[in-house]
Amino acid sequence: MNFECAAIVLSARRYGEGGAVVHLFTEEYGRIAGLVRGGSSRRQAALWQPGNLILARYASRLSDQLGQLTGEMVQETAVRLLDRPLQLALVQAAAELTDSALPDREPHPDFFLRTIRDLTAFCVLADPAPVIDYVRWETALLATLGYGLTLDFCAVTGVQDGLRYVSPKTGRAVSVEGAGIWTDRLLPLPAYLRPDGGDEGADDPILWAQGLALTGHFLARHLFGARHRPVPGARERLEMRVKALVMPKADEEGEQEDASLSPSDGADG
């Protein structure tokens, strides 16, 4: 195998003295691994940061052999986000999930192009952070690997309106009417994942957390639970970071509610 192509860096692990084993995601060859001589040196370390888009050159004598890898930078990602920790967490989670979930050398060209587009969005969109784009990216990952969610009509009634929940077993949407008394057993469906939801909730950490909880449930159930492996640490850290944003927001809303219920100044007791 000898080729040159655009690739997304997924991970880099030190190997031997100064070398590194690097995992890449490519359009034509899927997820591949290669040996980079001097890959853990100071001179090359910046190139092999997860999330970077590079021009990769790969060469091996046999198709099942660990090939030699070199590369040139096309688009830096991690370095551009050092002052934006939430966006950096999105990039790290996307790279680690892709590395952990995709089979070796199985091409997924549409998902590759989707991942490049979303990584670019994580870099350029500052406020609000594009968390809803990331959650949609996770639904695309699930669909790519055969575990797509059905969120366009109610699994119980068949209606397309009033979709508010998802069955944790089937991954199918459920309307308010269809949920009935079982709402406490269903997962909330944030508006931005519904076909008619648009970008509603793009600046709401509560809805971000709901989306991450939804996709996280199916990632753990289908992609990693079946292999008896935990969800990657970067993904868990991202969810914890978003949950930390929810707590101050909930406290603020509670204070506003208390203020509205308190008697006004000068009112009779």
Protein backbone atom coordinates (compact mmCIF):
# COMPACT_ATOMS: atom_id res chain seq x y z
CA MET A 1 0.00 0.00 0.00
CA ASN A 2 1.38 3.35 -1.08
CA PHE A 3 -0.79 6.43 -1.15
CA GLU A 4 -1.04 10.14 -0.45
CA CYS A 5 -4.31 11.64 0.81
CA ALA A 6 -5.98 14.02 3.22
CA ALA A 7 -6.34 12.56 6.70
CA ILE A 8 -7.57 13.46 10.19
CA VAL A 9 -5.20 12.66 13.04
CA LEU A 10 -7.04 10.56 15.63
CA SER A 11 -4.29 9.60 18.08
CA ALA A 12 -0.52 9.33 18.48
CA ARG A 13 1.22 6.93 20.87
CA ARG A 14 4.95 6.92 21.62
CA TYR A 15 6.75 3.93 20.14
CA GLY A 16 10.39 3.06 20.76
CA GLU A 17 12.92 5.86 20.99
CA GLY A 18 11.37 8.95 19.46
CA GLY A 19 8.89 7.17 17.21
CA ALA A 20 5.10 7.16 17.34
CA VAL A 21 2.26 4.96 16.16
CA VAL A 22 -0.33 7.29 14.68
CA HIS A 23 -3.95 6.50 13.85
CA LEU A 24 -5.54 8.42 10.97
CA PHE A 25 -9.01 8.65 9.45
CA THR A 26 -8.99 8.85 5.66
CA GLU A 27 -11.71 9.07 3.04
CA GLU A 28 -10.66 6.13 0.88
CA TYR A 29 -8.95 3.82 3.38
CA GLY A 30 -10.92 4.47 6.56
CA ARG A 31 -9.08 4.24 9.87
CA ILE A 32 -5.42 3.27 9.43
CA ALA A 33 -2.31 3.10 11.60
CA GLY A 34 1.24 4.00 10.64
CA LEU A 35 4.68 4.30 12.20
CA VAL A 36 6.15 7.80 12.24
CA ARG A 37 9.89 7.99 12.75
CA GLY A 38 10.62 10.83 15.14
CA GLY A 39 6.89 11.31 15.65
CA SER A 40 7.21 12.03 19.37
CA SER A 41 9.99 14.58 18.93
CA ARG A 42 9.43 18.26 19.64
CA ARG A 43 9.80 19.04 15.95
CA GLN A 44 6.94 16.75 14.92
CA ALA A 45 4.71 16.63 18.00
CA ALA A 46 2.50 19.52 16.88
CA LEU A 47 1.74 17.81 13.56
CA TRP A 48 0.30 14.68 15.14
CA GLN A 49 -2.16 16.33 17.52
CA PRO A 50 -5.66 14.74 17.45
CA GLY A 51 -8.07 16.68 15.25
CA ASN A 52 -5.47 18.07 12.84
CA LEU A 53 -6.12 17.75 9.12
CA ILE A 54 -2.95 16.70 7.31
CA LEU A 55 -1.69 15.53 3.95
CA ALA A 56 -0.55 11.99 4.78
CA ARG A 57 1.93 9.84 2.85
CA TYR A 58 1.75 6.15 3.64
CA ALA A 59 3.96 3.32 2.42
CA SER A 60 4.12 -0.37 3.27
CA ARG A 61 5.42 -3.44 1.45
CA LEU A 62 2.45 -5.60 2.46
CA SER A 63 -1.21 -4.64 2.90
CA ASP A 64 -1.37 -6.09 6.43
CA GLN A 65 1.93 -4.53 7.53
CA LEU A 66 2.29 -1.44 9.72
CA GLY A 67 3.38 1.11 7.14
CA GLN A 68 5.67 4.13 7.35
CA LEU A 69 3.88 7.44 7.67
CA THR A 70 4.86 11.05 7.02
CA GLY A 71 2.69 14.14 6.76
CA GLU A 72 2.30 17.86 6.19
CA MET A 73 -0.04 20.19 8.03
CA VAL A 74 -3.17 21.35 6.22
CA GLN A 75 -5.30 22.68 9.09
CA GLU A 76 -4.30 22.95 12.75
CA THR A 77 -7.08 22.31 15.22
CA ALA A 78 -5.93 21.73 18.80
CA VAL A 79 -3.49 24.68 18.89
CA ARG A 80 -6.20 27.10 17.73
CA LEU A 81 -8.45 26.11 20.64
CA LEU A 82 -6.11 26.37 23.61
CA ASP A 83 -8.06 29.38 24.92
CA ARG A 84 -11.46 27.74 24.26
CA PRO A 85 -11.60 24.63 26.46
CA LEU A 86 -15.12 23.56 25.53
CA GLN A 87 -14.39 23.58 21.79
CA LEU A 88 -11.12 21.75 22.47
CA ALA A 89 -13.09 19.14 24.42
CA LEU A 90 -15.38 18.68 21.40
CA VAL A 91 -12.40 18.02 19.14
CA GLN A 92 -10.77 15.60 21.58
CA ALA A 93 -14.01 13.67 22.10
CA ALA A 94 -14.67 13.42 18.34
CA ALA A 95 -11.13 12.18 17.62
CA GLU A 96 -11.13 9.62 20.44
CA LEU A 97 -14.61 8.33 19.60
CA THR A 98 -13.70 7.92 15.93
CA ASP A 99 -10.50 6.12 16.85
CA SER A 100 -12.29 3.77 19.25
CA ALA A 101 -15.46 3.10 17.26
CA LEU A 102 -14.46 2.71 13.61
CA PRO A 103 -13.17 -0.66 12.34
CA ASP A 104 -9.72 -0.76 10.77
CA ARG A 105 -9.49 0.03 7.05
CA GLU A 106 -13.23 0.28 6.47
CA PRO A 107 -13.94 3.39 4.37
CA HIS A 108 -16.79 5.72 5.29
CA PRO A 109 -16.35 8.62 2.84
CA ASP A 110 -19.54 10.51 3.72
CA PHE A 111 -18.77 10.38 7.43
CA PHE A 112 -15.18 11.45 6.75
CA LEU A 113 -16.35 14.59 4.95
CA ARG A 114 -18.92 15.22 7.71
CA THR A 115 -16.16 14.98 10.33
CA ILE A 116 -13.92 17.46 8.50
CA ARG A 117 -16.81 19.92 8.25
CA ASP A 118 -17.66 19.63 11.93
CA LEU A 119 -14.06 19.87 13.13
CA THR A 120 -13.81 23.12 11.17
CA ALA A 121 -17.00 24.36 12.84
CA PHE A 122 -15.58 23.54 16.27
CA CYS A 123 -12.60 25.78 15.44
CA VAL A 124 -14.36 28.80 13.96
CA LEU A 125 -17.60 29.00 15.97
CA ALA A 126 -16.84 30.62 19.29
CA ASP A 127 -20.03 31.77 21.01
CA PRO A 128 -22.09 29.80 21.59
CA ALA A 129 -19.91 26.72 21.34
CA PRO A 130 -21.25 24.40 18.61
CA VAL A 131 -22.22 21.61 21.01
CA ILE A 132 -25.40 20.82 19.08
CA ASP A 133 -23.29 20.23 15.96
CA TYR A 134 -21.22 17.79 17.97
CA VAL A 135 -24.32 15.93 19.23
CA ARG A 136 -25.57 15.68 15.64
CA TRP A 137 -22.13 14.37 14.67
CA GLU A 138 -22.53 11.59 17.25
CA THR A 139 -25.90 10.63 15.76
CA ALA A 140 -24.14 10.44 12.38
CA LEU A 141 -21.47 8.17 13.89
CA LEU A 142 -24.17 5.86 15.25
CA ALA A 143 -25.92 5.79 11.87
CA THR A 144 -22.65 5.13 10.02
CA LEU A 145 -22.05 2.02 12.12
CA GLY A 146 -25.61 0.73 11.76
CA TYR A 147 -27.20 2.06 14.95
CA GLY A 148 -29.07 5.06 13.59
CA LEU A 149 -31.79 6.72 15.68
CA THR A 150 -35.29 7.15 14.22
CA LEU A 151 -36.32 10.65 15.27
CA ASP A 152 -38.75 11.76 12.55
CA PHE A 153 -42.00 10.13 13.73
CA CYS A 154 -43.55 8.63 16.86
CA ALA A 155 -42.97 4.91 17.32
CA VAL A 156 -46.32 4.56 19.12
CA THR A 157 -48.78 6.77 17.22
CA GLY A 158 -46.92 7.41 13.95
CA VAL A 159 -47.40 11.19 14.20
CA GLN A 160 -44.63 13.62 13.30
CA ASP A 161 -45.62 16.38 15.73
CA GLY A 162 -45.04 16.67 19.45
CA LEU A 163 -41.95 14.45 19.51
CA ARG A 164 -40.38 14.90 22.94
CA TYR A 165 -38.85 11.56 23.96
CA VAL A 166 -36.76 8.63 22.72
CA SER A 167 -37.09 4.99 23.71
CA PRO A 168 -33.85 3.88 25.41
CA LYS A 169 -34.33 0.39 23.96
CA THR A 170 -35.20 1.04 20.33
CA GLY A 171 -33.79 4.53 19.68
CA ARG A 172 -37.12 5.64 18.21
CA ALA A 173 -38.88 8.93 18.94
CA VAL A 174 -42.03 9.06 21.05
CA SER A 175 -44.58 11.89 21.14
CA VAL A 176 -46.11 13.38 24.28
CA GLU A 177 -49.34 11.54 23.53
CA GLY A 178 -47.56 8.27 22.83
CA ALA A 179 -45.46 8.46 26.00
CA GLY A 180 -48.50 8.54 28.29
CA ILE A 181 -47.55 7.54 31.83
CA TRP A 182 -44.14 6.19 30.79
CA THR A 183 -42.32 9.52 30.42
CA ASP A 184 -40.02 8.77 33.34
CA ARG A 185 -38.69 5.73 31.47
CA LEU A 186 -37.89 7.62 28.27
CA LEU A 187 -34.96 9.84 27.30
CA PRO A 188 -35.65 13.53 26.57
CA LEU A 189 -35.38 14.48 22.90
CA PRO A 190 -33.88 17.98 22.53
CA ALA A 191 -35.46 20.15 19.85
CA TYR A 192 -32.32 20.44 17.67
CA LEU A 193 -32.40 16.68 16.98
CA ARG A 194 -35.97 16.77 15.71
CA PRO A 195 -36.49 17.26 11.95
CA ASP A 196 -38.29 20.57 12.58
CA GLY A 197 -36.10 21.72 15.45
CA GLY A 198 -33.56 23.80 13.55
CA ASP A 199 -30.95 25.27 15.89
CA GLU A 200 -33.33 25.67 18.82
CA GLY A 201 -31.31 25.21 22.01
CA ALA A 202 -27.98 26.15 20.40
CA ASP A 203 -27.13 28.34 23.42
CA ASP A 204 -28.78 26.27 26.16
CA PRO A 205 -26.44 24.02 28.21
CA ILE A 206 -29.46 22.12 29.61
CA LEU A 207 -30.40 21.00 26.09
CA TRP A 208 -26.74 20.30 25.32
CA ALA A 209 -26.63 17.94 28.30
CA GLN A 210 -29.85 16.23 27.20
CA GLY A 211 -28.42 15.59 23.74
CA LEU A 212 -25.15 14.21 25.13
CA ALA A 213 -27.08 11.97 27.54
CA LEU A 214 -29.18 10.66 24.65
CA THR A 215 -26.34 9.82 22.28
CA GLY A 216 -24.13 8.70 25.17
CA HIS A 217 -26.71 6.10 26.14
CA PHE A 218 -26.62 4.51 22.69
CA LEU A 219 -22.86 4.81 22.34
CA ALA A 220 -22.48 2.89 25.60
CA ARG A 221 -25.21 0.40 24.70
CA HIS A 222 -24.32 -0.41 21.10
CA LEU A 223 -20.76 0.61 20.25
CA PHE A 224 -18.89 -0.06 23.48
CA GLY A 225 -21.14 -2.15 25.72
CA ALA A 226 -21.23 -4.96 23.15
CA ARG A 227 -17.41 -5.04 23.23
CA HIS A 228 -17.30 -4.79 27.04
CA ARG A 229 -15.34 -1.57 26.78
CA PRO A 230 -15.98 1.78 28.47
CA VAL A 231 -16.92 4.90 26.56
CA PRO A 232 -13.68 6.81 25.77
CA GLY A 233 -12.48 9.12 28.53
CA ALA A 234 -12.51 12.26 26.36
CA ARG A 235 -16.23 11.74 25.71
CA GLU A 236 -16.97 11.35 29.42
CA ARG A 237 -14.96 14.48 30.25
CA LEU A 238 -16.91 16.45 27.66
CA GLU A 239 -20.22 15.40 29.20
CA MET A 240 -18.97 16.32 32.68
CA ARG A 241 -17.86 19.74 31.41
CA VAL A 242 -21.31 20.43 29.96
CA LYS A 243 -23.03 19.24 33.13
CA ALA A 244 -20.89 21.70 35.08
CA LEU A 245 -22.32 24.48 32.90
CA VAL A 246 -25.87 23.31 33.66
CA MET A 247 -25.56 23.65 37.44
CA PRO A 248 -24.95 27.45 37.53
CA LYS A 249 -27.80 27.92 35.05
CA ALA A 250 -30.16 25.85 37.21
CA ASP A 251 -29.14 27.81 40.32
CA GLU A 252 -29.78 31.10 38.52
CA GLU A 253 -33.25 30.00 37.41
CA GLY A 254 -34.03 28.89 40.96
CA GLU A 255 -33.03 32.29 42.34
CA GLN A 256 -35.24 34.04 39.79
CA GLU A 257 -38.18 31.83 40.74
CA ASP A 258 -37.66 32.54 44.44
CA ALA A 259 -37.54 36.27 43.73
CA SER A 260 -40.83 36.12 41.80
CA LEU A 261 -42.53 34.31 44.68
CA SER A 262 -41.26 36.65 47.43
CA PRO A 263 -43.58 39.51 48.56
CA SER A 264 -42.85 42.89 47.06
CA ASP A 265 -41.46 45.74 49.17
CA GLY A 266 -44.13 47.46 51.24
CA ALA A 267 -46.74 44.72 50.70
CA ASP A 268 -48.97 43.77 53.58
CA GLY A 269 -47.96 40.62 55.40
